[in-house]
Amino acid sequence: EDTRLLIKQNQGLHHLLPPALEVLRLDPMAEGHMYEG
């Protein structure tokens, strides 16, 4: 959820996208507090 929120706010994309993609490789439908995926 923290990562999703920061990405949606265009914060630190160069630093956050690589770990976000690691999460998505394991679970493409990973969810924060909004909805699956």
PDB file of all heavy atoms in Angstrom:
ATOM      1  N   GLU A   1       0.826  -1.210   0.000  1.00  0.00           N
ATOM      2  CA  GLU A   1       0.000   0.000   0.000  1.00  0.00           C
ATOM      3  C   GLU A   1       0.860   1.259   0.000  1.00  0.00           C
ATOM      4  O   GLU A   1       0.572   2.210  -0.724  1.00  0.00           O
ATOM      5  CB  GLU A   1      -0.955   0.016   1.196  1.00  0.00           C
ATOM      6  CG  GLU A   1      -1.767   1.291   1.324  1.00  0.00           C
ATOM      7  CD  GLU A   1      -2.676   1.601   0.141  1.00  0.00           C
ATOM      8  OE1 GLU A   1      -2.913   0.729  -0.721  1.00  0.00           O
ATOM      9  OE2 GLU A   1      -3.161   2.742   0.069  1.00  0.00           O
ATOM     10  N   ASP A   2       1.921   1.280   0.791  1.00  0.00           N
ATOM     11  CA  ASP A   2       2.821   2.434   0.816  1.00  0.00           C
ATOM     12  C   ASP A   2       3.408   2.678  -0.573  1.00  0.00           C
ATOM     13  O   ASP A   2       3.439   3.815  -1.067  1.00  0.00           O
ATOM     14  CB  ASP A   2       3.986   2.205   1.793  1.00  0.00           C
ATOM     15  CG  ASP A   2       3.576   2.056   3.244  1.00  0.00           C
ATOM     16  OD1 ASP A   2       2.462   2.474   3.626  1.00  0.00           O
ATOM     17  OD2 ASP A   2       4.392   1.485   4.010  1.00  0.00           O
ATOM     18  N   THR A   3       3.864   1.604  -1.187  1.00  0.00           N
ATOM     19  CA  THR A   3       4.476   1.706  -2.514  1.00  0.00           C
ATOM     20  C   THR A   3       3.454   2.175  -3.535  1.00  0.00           C
ATOM     21  O   THR A   3       3.731   3.057  -4.351  1.00  0.00           O
ATOM     22  CB  THR A   3       5.076   0.346  -2.925  1.00  0.00           C
ATOM     23  OG1 THR A   3       6.009  -0.064  -1.910  1.00  0.00           O
ATOM     24  CG2 THR A   3       5.768   0.421  -4.265  1.00  0.00           C
ATOM     25  N   ARG A   4       2.252   1.614  -3.504  1.00  0.00           N
ATOM     26  CA  ARG A   4       1.193   2.018  -4.423  1.00  0.00           C
ATOM     27  C   ARG A   4       0.884   3.500  -4.271  1.00  0.00           C
ATOM     28  O   ARG A   4       0.814   4.233  -5.248  1.00  0.00           O
ATOM     29  CB  ARG A   4      -0.075   1.194  -4.166  1.00  0.00           C
ATOM     30  CG  ARG A   4      -1.223   1.516  -5.129  1.00  0.00           C
ATOM     31  CD  ARG A   4      -2.571   1.079  -4.587  1.00  0.00           C
ATOM     32  NE  ARG A   4      -2.976   1.828  -3.415  1.00  0.00           N
ATOM     33  CZ  ARG A   4      -3.497   3.059  -3.437  1.00  0.00           C
ATOM     34  NH1 ARG A   4      -3.671   3.695  -4.572  1.00  0.00           N
ATOM     35  NH2 ARG A   4      -3.832   3.660  -2.318  1.00  0.00           N
ATOM     36  N   LEU A   5       0.748   3.931  -3.022  1.00  0.00           N
ATOM     37  CA  LEU A   5       0.418   5.332  -2.776  1.00  0.00           C
ATOM     38  C   LEU A   5       1.516   6.255  -3.298  1.00  0.00           C
ATOM     39  O   LEU A   5       1.225   7.252  -3.981  1.00  0.00           O
ATOM     40  CB  LEU A   5       0.192   5.549  -1.285  1.00  0.00           C
ATOM     41  CG  LEU A   5      -0.337   6.911  -0.908  1.00  0.00           C
ATOM     42  CD1 LEU A   5      -1.300   6.788   0.262  1.00  0.00           C
ATOM     43  CD2 LEU A   5       0.777   7.865  -0.562  1.00  0.00           C
ATOM     44  N   LEU A   6       2.767   5.941  -3.006  1.00  0.00           N
ATOM     45  CA  LEU A   6       3.862   6.789  -3.475  1.00  0.00           C
ATOM     46  C   LEU A   6       3.955   6.802  -4.996  1.00  0.00           C
ATOM     47  O   LEU A   6       4.196   7.858  -5.600  1.00  0.00           O
ATOM     48  CB  LEU A   6       5.189   6.328  -2.851  1.00  0.00           C
ATOM     49  CG  LEU A   6       5.366   6.672  -1.381  1.00  0.00           C
ATOM     50  CD1 LEU A   6       6.534   5.900  -0.783  1.00  0.00           C
ATOM     51  CD2 LEU A   6       5.562   8.171  -1.193  1.00  0.00           C
ATOM     52  N   ILE A   7       3.761   5.659  -5.629  1.00  0.00           N
ATOM     53  CA  ILE A   7       3.795   5.616  -7.094  1.00  0.00           C
ATOM     54  C   ILE A   7       2.673   6.465  -7.665  1.00  0.00           C
ATOM     55  O   ILE A   7       2.884   7.238  -8.606  1.00  0.00           O
ATOM     56  CB  ILE A   7       3.737   4.163  -7.603  1.00  0.00           C
ATOM     57  CG1 ILE A   7       5.060   3.448  -7.309  1.00  0.00           C
ATOM     58  CG2 ILE A   7       3.411   4.115  -9.097  1.00  0.00           C
ATOM     59  CD1 ILE A   7       5.051   1.960  -7.574  1.00  0.00           C
ATOM     60  N   LYS A   8       1.481   6.358  -7.093  1.00  0.00           N
ATOM     61  CA  LYS A   8       0.350   7.160  -7.572  1.00  0.00           C
ATOM     62  C   LYS A   8       0.606   8.655  -7.394  1.00  0.00           C
ATOM     63  O   LYS A   8       0.038   9.471  -8.107  1.00  0.00           O
ATOM     64  CB  LYS A   8      -0.945   6.770  -6.857  1.00  0.00           C
ATOM     65  CG  LYS A   8      -1.472   5.394  -7.202  1.00  0.00           C
ATOM     66  CD  LYS A   8      -1.967   5.293  -8.609  1.00  0.00           C
ATOM     67  CE  LYS A   8      -3.378   5.784  -8.741  1.00  0.00           C
ATOM     68  NZ  LYS A   8      -3.935   5.575 -10.081  1.00  0.00           N
ATOM     69  N   GLN A   9       1.489   9.007  -6.466  1.00  0.00           N
ATOM     70  CA  GLN A   9       1.836  10.413  -6.243  1.00  0.00           C
ATOM     71  C   GLN A   9       3.111  10.814  -7.008  1.00  0.00           C
ATOM     72  O   GLN A   9       3.647  11.897  -6.797  1.00  0.00           O
ATOM     73  CB  GLN A   9       2.021  10.676  -4.745  1.00  0.00           C
ATOM     74  CG  GLN A   9       0.767  10.499  -3.933  1.00  0.00           C
ATOM     75  CD  GLN A   9      -0.341  11.398  -4.425  1.00  0.00           C
ATOM     76  OE1 GLN A   9      -0.164  12.610  -4.557  1.00  0.00           O
ATOM     77  NE2 GLN A   9      -1.491  10.815  -4.720  1.00  0.00           N
ATOM     78  N   ASN A  10       3.561   9.942  -7.908  1.00  0.00           N
ATOM     79  CA  ASN A  10       4.770  10.197  -8.714  1.00  0.00           C
ATOM     80  C   ASN A  10       6.009  10.451  -7.867  1.00  0.00           C
ATOM     81  O   ASN A  10       6.866  11.252  -8.221  1.00  0.00           O
ATOM     82  CB  ASN A  10       4.562  11.379  -9.668  1.00  0.00           C
ATOM     83  CG  ASN A  10       3.670  11.024 -10.812  1.00  0.00           C
ATOM     84  OD1 ASN A  10       3.704   9.904 -11.305  1.00  0.00           O
ATOM     85  ND2 ASN A  10       2.854  11.967 -11.242  1.00  0.00           N
ATOM     86  N   GLN A  11       6.114   9.763  -6.777  1.00  0.00           N
ATOM     87  CA  GLN A  11       7.261   9.938  -5.880  1.00  0.00           C
ATOM     88  C   GLN A  11       8.271   8.820  -6.078  1.00  0.00           C
ATOM     89  O   GLN A  11       7.917   7.648  -6.035  1.00  0.00           O
ATOM     90  CB  GLN A  11       6.797   9.955  -4.416  1.00  0.00           C
ATOM     91  CG  GLN A  11       5.909  11.109  -4.079  1.00  0.00           C
ATOM     92  CD  GLN A  11       6.600  12.421  -4.309  1.00  0.00           C
ATOM     93  OE1 GLN A  11       7.711  12.641  -3.825  1.00  0.00           O
ATOM     94  NE2 GLN A  11       5.958  13.301  -5.046  1.00  0.00           N
ATOM     95  N   GLY A  12       9.515   9.188  -6.301  1.00  0.00           N
ATOM     96  CA  GLY A  12      10.626   8.239  -6.313  1.00  0.00           C
ATOM     97  C   GLY A  12      10.474   7.076  -7.268  1.00  0.00           C
ATOM     98  O   GLY A  12      10.893   5.960  -6.952  1.00  0.00           O
ATOM     99  N   LEU A  13       9.897   7.317  -8.430  1.00  0.00           N
ATOM    100  CA  LEU A  13       9.605   6.218  -9.347  1.00  0.00           C
ATOM    101  C   LEU A  13      10.844   5.398  -9.707  1.00  0.00           C
ATOM    102  O   LEU A  13      10.774   4.175  -9.770  1.00  0.00           O
ATOM    103  CB  LEU A  13       8.921   6.741 -10.601  1.00  0.00           C
ATOM    104  CG  LEU A  13       7.546   7.372 -10.380  1.00  0.00           C
ATOM    105  CD1 LEU A  13       6.976   7.881 -11.695  1.00  0.00           C
ATOM    106  CD2 LEU A  13       6.591   6.415  -9.708  1.00  0.00           C
ATOM    107  N   HIS A  14      11.963   6.049  -9.923  1.00  0.00           N
ATOM    108  CA  HIS A  14      13.182   5.302 -10.281  1.00  0.00           C
ATOM    109  C   HIS A  14      13.609   4.360  -9.159  1.00  0.00           C
ATOM    110  O   HIS A  14      14.226   3.329  -9.416  1.00  0.00           O
ATOM    111  CB  HIS A  14      14.332   6.248 -10.621  1.00  0.00           C
ATOM    112  CG  HIS A  14      14.160   6.912 -11.942  1.00  0.00           C
ATOM    113  ND1 HIS A  14      14.315   6.255 -13.129  1.00  0.00           N
ATOM    114  CD2 HIS A  14      13.808   8.180 -12.258  1.00  0.00           C
ATOM    115  CE1 HIS A  14      14.087   7.084 -14.124  1.00  0.00           C
ATOM    116  NE2 HIS A  14      13.774   8.258 -13.623  1.00  0.00           N
ATOM    117  N   HIS A  15      13.266   4.708  -7.931  1.00  0.00           N
ATOM    118  CA  HIS A  15      13.640   3.885  -6.786  1.00  0.00           C
ATOM    119  C   HIS A  15      12.554   2.880  -6.419  1.00  0.00           C
ATOM    120  O   HIS A  15      12.855   1.817  -5.885  1.00  0.00           O
ATOM    121  CB  HIS A  15      13.940   4.765  -5.569  1.00  0.00           C
ATOM    122  CG  HIS A  15      15.019   5.760  -5.820  1.00  0.00           C
ATOM    123  ND1 HIS A  15      16.340   5.412  -5.968  1.00  0.00           N
ATOM    124  CD2 HIS A  15      14.965   7.099  -5.981  1.00  0.00           C
ATOM    125  CE1 HIS A  15      17.061   6.494  -6.199  1.00  0.00           C
ATOM    126  NE2 HIS A  15      16.251   7.525  -6.211  1.00  0.00           N
ATOM    127  N   LEU A  16      11.296   3.212  -6.688  1.00  0.00           N
ATOM    128  CA  LEU A  16      10.185   2.358  -6.256  1.00  0.00           C
ATOM    129  C   LEU A  16       9.729   1.344  -7.288  1.00  0.00           C
ATOM    130  O   LEU A  16       9.194   0.292  -6.925  1.00  0.00           O
ATOM    131  CB  LEU A  16       8.985   3.227  -5.851  1.00  0.00           C
ATOM    132  CG  LEU A  16       9.209   4.103  -4.621  1.00  0.00           C
ATOM    133  CD1 LEU A  16       7.991   4.981  -4.379  1.00  0.00           C
ATOM    134  CD2 LEU A  16       9.511   3.255  -3.408  1.00  0.00           C
ATOM    135  N   LEU A  17       9.902   1.651  -8.565  1.00  0.00           N
ATOM    136  CA  LEU A  17       9.424   0.702  -9.577  1.00  0.00           C
ATOM    137  C   LEU A  17      10.157  -0.638  -9.541  1.00  0.00           C
ATOM    138  O   LEU A  17       9.501  -1.681  -9.640  1.00  0.00           O
ATOM    139  CB  LEU A  17       9.464   1.319 -10.969  1.00  0.00           C
ATOM    140  CG  LEU A  17       8.388   2.377 -11.221  1.00  0.00           C
ATOM    141  CD1 LEU A  17       8.520   2.960 -12.622  1.00  0.00           C
ATOM    142  CD2 LEU A  17       6.993   1.830 -11.007  1.00  0.00           C
ATOM    143  N   PRO A  18      11.471  -0.672  -9.384  1.00  0.00           N
ATOM    144  CA  PRO A  18      12.118  -1.994  -9.321  1.00  0.00           C
ATOM    145  C   PRO A  18      11.585  -2.882  -8.186  1.00  0.00           C
ATOM    146  O   PRO A  18      11.213  -4.035  -8.441  1.00  0.00           O
ATOM    147  CB  PRO A  18      13.609  -1.664  -9.169  1.00  0.00           C
ATOM    148  CG  PRO A  18      13.746  -0.347  -9.872  1.00  0.00           C
ATOM    149  CD  PRO A  18      12.482   0.396  -9.489  1.00  0.00           C
ATOM    150  N   PRO A  19      11.463  -2.385  -6.932  1.00  0.00           N
ATOM    151  CA  PRO A  19      10.891  -3.277  -5.910  1.00  0.00           C
ATOM    152  C   PRO A  19       9.409  -3.576  -6.149  1.00  0.00           C
ATOM    153  O   PRO A  19       8.941  -4.672  -5.821  1.00  0.00           O
ATOM    154  CB  PRO A  19      11.110  -2.536  -4.593  1.00  0.00           C
ATOM    155  CG  PRO A  19      11.586  -1.184  -4.928  1.00  0.00           C
ATOM    156  CD  PRO A  19      12.005  -1.164  -6.338  1.00  0.00           C
ATOM    157  N   ALA A  20       8.681  -2.634  -6.736  1.00  0.00           N
ATOM    158  CA  ALA A  20       7.265  -2.902  -7.046  1.00  0.00           C
ATOM    159  C   ALA A  20       7.165  -4.039  -8.056  1.00  0.00           C
ATOM    160  O   ALA A  20       6.312  -4.924  -7.921  1.00  0.00           O
ATOM    161  CB  ALA A  20       6.582  -1.649  -7.588  1.00  0.00           C
ATOM    162  N   LEU A  21       8.038  -4.040  -9.047  1.00  0.00           N
ATOM    163  CA  LEU A  21       8.016  -5.108 -10.048  1.00  0.00           C
ATOM    164  C   LEU A  21       8.426  -6.451  -9.429  1.00  0.00           C
ATOM    165  O   LEU A  21       7.925  -7.492  -9.842  1.00  0.00           O
ATOM    166  CB  LEU A  21       8.897  -4.751 -11.245  1.00  0.00           C
ATOM    167  CG  LEU A  21       8.353  -3.616 -12.107  1.00  0.00           C
ATOM    168  CD1 LEU A  21       9.355  -3.230 -13.186  1.00  0.00           C
ATOM    169  CD2 LEU A  21       7.017  -3.970 -12.717  1.00  0.00           C
ATOM    170  N   GLU A  22       9.301  -6.431  -8.431  1.00  0.00           N
ATOM    171  CA  GLU A  22       9.648  -7.677  -7.733  1.00  0.00           C
ATOM    172  C   GLU A  22       8.415  -8.267  -7.061  1.00  0.00           C
ATOM    173  O   GLU A  22       8.188  -9.475  -7.125  1.00  0.00           O
ATOM    174  CB  GLU A  22      10.735  -7.415  -6.682  1.00  0.00           C
ATOM    175  CG  GLU A  22      12.101  -7.147  -7.257  1.00  0.00           C
ATOM    176  CD  GLU A  22      13.111  -6.763  -6.188  1.00  0.00           C
ATOM    177  OE1 GLU A  22      12.853  -7.001  -4.985  1.00  0.00           O
ATOM    178  OE2 GLU A  22      14.162  -6.219  -6.567  1.00  0.00           O
ATOM    179  N   VAL A  23       7.626  -7.406  -6.428  1.00  0.00           N
ATOM    180  CA  VAL A  23       6.391  -7.862  -5.788  1.00  0.00           C
ATOM    181  C   VAL A  23       5.445  -8.419  -6.845  1.00  0.00           C
ATOM    182  O   VAL A  23       4.860  -9.492  -6.676  1.00  0.00           O
ATOM    183  CB  VAL A  23       5.709  -6.700  -5.015  1.00  0.00           C
ATOM    184  CG1 VAL A  23       4.301  -7.076  -4.577  1.00  0.00           C
ATOM    185  CG2 VAL A  23       6.553  -6.287  -3.822  1.00  0.00           C
ATOM    186  N   LEU A  24       5.302  -7.707  -7.957  1.00  0.00           N
ATOM    187  CA  LEU A  24       4.373  -8.125  -9.007  1.00  0.00           C
ATOM    188  C   LEU A  24       4.804  -9.416  -9.693  1.00  0.00           C
ATOM    189  O   LEU A  24       3.956 -10.181 -10.144  1.00  0.00           O
ATOM    190  CB  LEU A  24       4.190  -7.004 -10.030  1.00  0.00           C
ATOM    191  CG  LEU A  24       3.475  -5.767  -9.488  1.00  0.00           C
ATOM    192  CD1 LEU A  24       3.533  -4.630 -10.500  1.00  0.00           C
ATOM    193  CD2 LEU A  24       2.044  -6.093  -9.101  1.00  0.00           C
ATOM    194  N   ARG A  25       6.107  -9.677  -9.772  1.00  0.00           N
ATOM    195  CA  ARG A  25       6.566 -10.950 -10.338  1.00  0.00           C
ATOM    196  C   ARG A  25       6.067 -12.120  -9.498  1.00  0.00           C
ATOM    197  O   ARG A  25       5.702 -13.163 -10.024  1.00  0.00           O
ATOM    198  CB  ARG A  25       8.093 -10.987 -10.402  1.00  0.00           C
ATOM    199  CG  ARG A  25       8.653 -10.417 -11.674  1.00  0.00           C
ATOM    200  CD  ARG A  25      10.167 -10.635 -11.765  1.00  0.00           C
ATOM    201  NE  ARG A  25      10.748  -9.439 -12.326  1.00  0.00           N
ATOM    202  CZ  ARG A  25      11.392  -8.501 -11.643  1.00  0.00           C
ATOM    203  NH1 ARG A  25      11.594  -8.620 -10.351  1.00  0.00           N
ATOM    204  NH2 ARG A  25      11.855  -7.441 -12.239  1.00  0.00           N
ATOM    205  N   LEU A  26       6.063 -11.931  -8.189  1.00  0.00           N
ATOM    206  CA  LEU A  26       5.592 -12.986  -7.287  1.00  0.00           C
ATOM    207  C   LEU A  26       4.067 -13.060  -7.240  1.00  0.00           C
ATOM    208  O   LEU A  26       3.505 -14.143  -7.107  1.00  0.00           O
ATOM    209  CB  LEU A  26       6.132 -12.751  -5.868  1.00  0.00           C
ATOM    210  CG  LEU A  26       7.645 -12.806  -5.723  1.00  0.00           C
ATOM    211  CD1 LEU A  26       8.059 -12.386  -4.316  1.00  0.00           C
ATOM    212  CD2 LEU A  26       8.164 -14.192  -6.045  1.00  0.00           C
ATOM    213  N   ASP A  27       3.423 -11.901  -7.327  1.00  0.00           N
ATOM    214  CA  ASP A  27       1.963 -11.844  -7.243  1.00  0.00           C
ATOM    215  C   ASP A  27       1.453 -10.662  -8.055  1.00  0.00           C
ATOM    216  O   ASP A  27       1.347  -9.545  -7.530  1.00  0.00           O
ATOM    217  CB  ASP A  27       1.518 -11.715  -5.783  1.00  0.00           C
ATOM    218  CG  ASP A  27       0.011 -11.649  -5.633  1.00  0.00           C
ATOM    219  OD1 ASP A  27      -0.725 -11.859  -6.622  1.00  0.00           O
ATOM    220  OD2 ASP A  27      -0.443 -11.379  -4.507  1.00  0.00           O
ATOM    221  N   PRO A  28       1.143 -10.889  -9.340  1.00  0.00           N
ATOM    222  CA  PRO A  28       0.672  -9.786 -10.181  1.00  0.00           C
ATOM    223  C   PRO A  28      -0.584  -9.100  -9.649  1.00  0.00           C
ATOM    224  O   PRO A  28      -0.833  -7.944  -9.965  1.00  0.00           O
ATOM    225  CB  PRO A  28       0.385 -10.452 -11.527  1.00  0.00           C
ATOM    226  CG  PRO A  28       1.159 -11.706 -11.521  1.00  0.00           C
ATOM    227  CD  PRO A  28       1.245 -12.133 -10.084  1.00  0.00           C
ATOM    228  N   MET A  29      -1.340  -9.792  -8.822  1.00  0.00           N
ATOM    229  CA  MET A  29      -2.569  -9.209  -8.296  1.00  0.00           C
ATOM    230  C   MET A  29      -2.379  -8.680  -6.870  1.00  0.00           C
ATOM    231  O   MET A  29      -3.349  -8.483  -6.132  1.00  0.00           O
ATOM    232  CB  MET A  29      -3.697 -10.245  -8.341  1.00  0.00           C
ATOM    233  CG  MET A  29      -4.022 -10.721  -9.750  1.00  0.00           C
ATOM    234  SD  MET A  29      -4.405  -9.383 -10.893  1.00  0.00           S
ATOM    235  CE  MET A  29      -6.000  -8.901 -10.260  1.00  0.00           C
ATOM    236  N   ALA A  30      -1.121  -8.403  -6.490  1.00  0.00           N
ATOM    237  CA  ALA A  30      -0.842  -7.861  -5.160  1.00  0.00           C
ATOM    238  C   ALA A  30      -1.691  -6.623  -4.933  1.00  0.00           C
ATOM    239  O   ALA A  30      -1.901  -5.822  -5.842  1.00  0.00           O
ATOM    240  CB  ALA A  30       0.639  -7.515  -5.034  1.00  0.00           C
ATOM    241  N   GLU A  31      -2.187  -6.510  -3.706  1.00  0.00           N
ATOM    242  CA  GLU A  31      -3.067  -5.375  -3.432  1.00  0.00           C
ATOM    243  C   GLU A  31      -2.656  -4.633  -2.177  1.00  0.00           C
ATOM    244  O   GLU A  31      -2.141  -5.207  -1.234  1.00  0.00           O
ATOM    245  CB  GLU A  31      -4.517  -5.817  -3.322  1.00  0.00           C
ATOM    246  CG  GLU A  31      -4.830  -6.704  -2.140  1.00  0.00           C
ATOM    247  CD  GLU A  31      -6.285  -7.137  -2.110  1.00  0.00           C
ATOM    248  OE1 GLU A  31      -7.140  -6.309  -1.804  1.00  0.00           O
ATOM    249  OE2 GLU A  31      -6.531  -8.314  -2.408  1.00  0.00           O
ATOM    250  N   GLY A  32      -2.911  -3.337  -2.253  1.00  0.00           N
ATOM    251  CA  GLY A  32      -2.758  -2.491  -1.079  1.00  0.00           C
ATOM    252  C   GLY A  32      -4.100  -2.438  -0.383  1.00  0.00           C
ATOM    253  O   GLY A  32      -4.678  -3.462  -0.068  1.00  0.00           O
ATOM    254  N   HIS A  33      -4.626  -1.235  -0.206  1.00  0.00           N
ATOM    255  CA  HIS A  33      -5.898  -1.084   0.492  1.00  0.00           C
ATOM    256  C   HIS A  33      -7.062  -0.773  -0.439  1.00  0.00           C
ATOM    257  O   HIS A  33      -8.156  -0.499   0.039  1.00  0.00           O
ATOM    258  CB  HIS A  33      -5.805   0.024   1.541  1.00  0.00           C
ATOM    259  CG  HIS A  33      -4.851  -0.291   2.642  1.00  0.00           C
ATOM    260  ND1 HIS A  33      -4.332   0.666   3.462  1.00  0.00           N
ATOM    261  CD2 HIS A  33      -4.321  -1.460   3.067  1.00  0.00           C
ATOM    262  CE1 HIS A  33      -3.519   0.116   4.331  1.00  0.00           C
ATOM    263  NE2 HIS A  33      -3.488  -1.177   4.108  1.00  0.00           N
ATOM    264  N   MET A  34      -6.850  -0.807  -1.725  1.00  0.00           N
ATOM    265  CA  MET A  34      -7.913  -0.426  -2.648  1.00  0.00           C
ATOM    266  C   MET A  34      -8.649  -1.647  -3.211  1.00  0.00           C
ATOM    267  O   MET A  34      -9.816  -1.823  -2.965  1.00  0.00           O
ATOM    268  CB  MET A  34      -7.351   0.426  -3.789  1.00  0.00           C
ATOM    269  CG  MET A  34      -6.673   1.704  -3.329  1.00  0.00           C
ATOM    270  SD  MET A  34      -7.791   2.857  -2.550  1.00  0.00           S
ATOM    271  CE  MET A  34      -8.690   3.413  -3.950  1.00  0.00           C
ATOM    272  N   TYR A  35      -7.960  -2.465  -3.981  1.00  0.00           N
ATOM    273  CA  TYR A  35      -8.572  -3.628  -4.606  1.00  0.00           C
ATOM    274  C   TYR A  35      -7.476  -4.551  -5.106  1.00  0.00           C
ATOM    275  O   TYR A  35      -6.316  -4.156  -5.224  1.00  0.00           O
ATOM    276  CB  TYR A  35      -9.501  -3.223  -5.759  1.00  0.00           C
ATOM    277  CG  TYR A  35      -8.829  -2.359  -6.810  1.00  0.00           C
ATOM    278  CD1 TYR A  35      -8.158  -2.923  -7.888  1.00  0.00           C
ATOM    279  CD2 TYR A  35      -8.869  -0.970  -6.711  1.00  0.00           C
ATOM    280  CE1 TYR A  35      -7.534  -2.135  -8.840  1.00  0.00           C
ATOM    281  CE2 TYR A  35      -8.251  -0.179  -7.663  1.00  0.00           C
ATOM    282  CZ  TYR A  35      -7.593  -0.761  -8.721  1.00  0.00           C
ATOM    283  OH  TYR A  35      -6.971   0.019  -9.669  1.00  0.00           O
ATOM    284  N   GLU A  36      -7.851  -5.787  -5.375  1.00  0.00           N
ATOM    285  CA  GLU A  36      -6.891  -6.760  -5.894  1.00  0.00           C
ATOM    286  C   GLU A  36      -6.296  -6.227  -7.191  1.00  0.00           C
ATOM    287  O   GLU A  36      -7.025  -5.824  -8.091  1.00  0.00           O
ATOM    288  CB  GLU A  36      -7.595  -8.093  -6.138  1.00  0.00           C
ATOM    289  CG  GLU A  36      -6.657  -9.197  -6.525  1.00  0.00           C
ATOM    290  CD  GLU A  36      -7.360 -10.531  -6.729  1.00  0.00           C
ATOM    291  OE1 GLU A  36      -8.544 -10.542  -7.118  1.00  0.00           O
ATOM    292  OE2 GLU A  36      -6.706 -11.552  -6.507  1.00  0.00           O
ATOM    293  N   GLY A  37      -4.980  -6.202  -7.267  1.00  0.00           N
ATOM    294  CA  GLY A  37      -4.302  -5.724  -8.468  1.00  0.00           C
ATOM    295  C   GLY A  37      -4.053  -4.222  -8.480  1.00  0.00           C
ATOM    296  O   GLY A  37      -3.602  -3.681  -9.482  1.00  0.00           O
TER     297      GLY A  37
END
